[in-house]
């Protein structure tokens, strides 16, 4: 689906209804804007309930972590 929108004089963009319906986006939902080259990714911020179990099996050993100093 290819849809377009126009940036208003108040720097607002209305998301077309067909896209909102397809993505199940609701009024008041929070979004994050991620710069990507000359564009921007717009993604809904997940609810806490959606994050349950996302890191299942991840190791939580505090002495076995990496940081930027151990990279090349």
Protein backbone atom coordinates (compact mmCIF):
# COMPACT_ATOMS: atom_id res chain seq x y z
CA UNK A 1 0.00 0.00 0.00
CA UNK A 2 1.44 3.35 -1.02
CA UNK A 3 0.03 6.34 0.84
CA UNK A 4 1.19 9.91 1.17
CA UNK A 5 0.55 12.73 3.63
CA UNK A 6 1.40 16.44 3.71
CA UNK A 7 3.27 18.19 6.50
CA UNK A 8 1.05 21.01 7.84
CA UNK A 9 2.16 24.52 8.76
CA UNK A 10 2.13 23.30 12.40
CA UNK A 11 4.53 20.47 11.43
CA UNK A 12 1.87 17.79 11.85
CA UNK A 13 1.14 14.81 9.63
CA UNK A 14 -2.16 12.92 9.59
CA UNK A 15 -1.74 9.19 9.16
CA UNK A 16 -4.18 7.93 6.50
CA UNK A 17 -7.07 5.85 7.87
CA UNK A 18 -6.26 2.82 5.70
CA UNK A 19 -2.76 2.66 7.22
CA UNK A 20 -4.03 3.21 10.80
CA UNK A 21 -6.55 0.41 10.35
CA UNK A 22 -4.00 -1.95 8.81
CA UNK A 23 -1.53 -1.36 11.66
CA UNK A 24 -4.22 -1.26 14.39
CA UNK A 25 -2.96 2.12 15.64
CA UNK A 26 -5.19 4.00 18.07
CA UNK A 27 -5.53 7.64 19.12
CA UNK A 28 -3.20 8.46 22.01
CA UNK A 29 -0.74 5.71 21.14
CA UNK A 30 2.93 6.67 21.61
CA UNK A 31 5.44 6.43 18.75
CA UNK A 32 9.22 6.62 18.44
CA UNK A 33 10.98 8.34 15.51
CA UNK A 34 14.27 6.75 14.42
CA UNK A 35 16.40 8.69 11.91
CA UNK A 36 17.42 6.43 9.03
CA UNK A 37 19.49 8.01 6.26
CA UNK A 38 17.35 10.70 4.65
CA UNK A 39 14.16 9.29 6.16
CA UNK A 40 12.65 8.33 9.48
CA UNK A 41 11.23 5.06 10.82
CA UNK A 42 8.04 5.56 12.81
CA UNK A 43 7.34 2.72 15.22
CA UNK A 44 4.79 2.32 18.00
CA UNK A 45 6.30 2.13 21.49
CA UNK A 46 5.42 -1.33 22.84
CA UNK A 47 3.34 -1.74 26.00
CA UNK A 48 5.00 -3.47 28.97
CA UNK A 49 2.78 -6.52 28.46
CA UNK A 50 4.17 -6.94 24.93
CA UNK A 51 7.74 -7.16 26.28
CA UNK A 52 7.14 -10.04 28.69
CA UNK A 53 9.47 -12.92 27.81
CA UNK A 54 11.39 -11.01 25.13
CA UNK A 55 14.75 -11.77 26.79
CA UNK A 56 13.96 -15.34 27.79
CA UNK A 57 17.18 -17.31 28.11
CA UNK A 58 19.39 -14.22 28.30
CA UNK A 59 22.24 -14.55 30.74
CA UNK A 60 22.12 -12.13 33.66
CA UNK A 61 25.68 -12.70 34.98
CA UNK A 62 26.95 -9.28 36.01
CA UNK A 63 30.63 -10.31 35.76
CA UNK A 64 30.23 -11.64 32.20
CA UNK A 65 29.18 -8.56 30.22
CA UNK A 66 30.72 -6.60 27.36
CA UNK A 67 31.04 -2.89 26.99
CA UNK A 68 32.45 -0.57 24.35
CA UNK A 69 35.97 -0.75 25.78
CA UNK A 70 36.44 -4.40 24.84
CA UNK A 71 35.66 -3.82 21.15
CA UNK A 72 38.04 -2.90 18.37
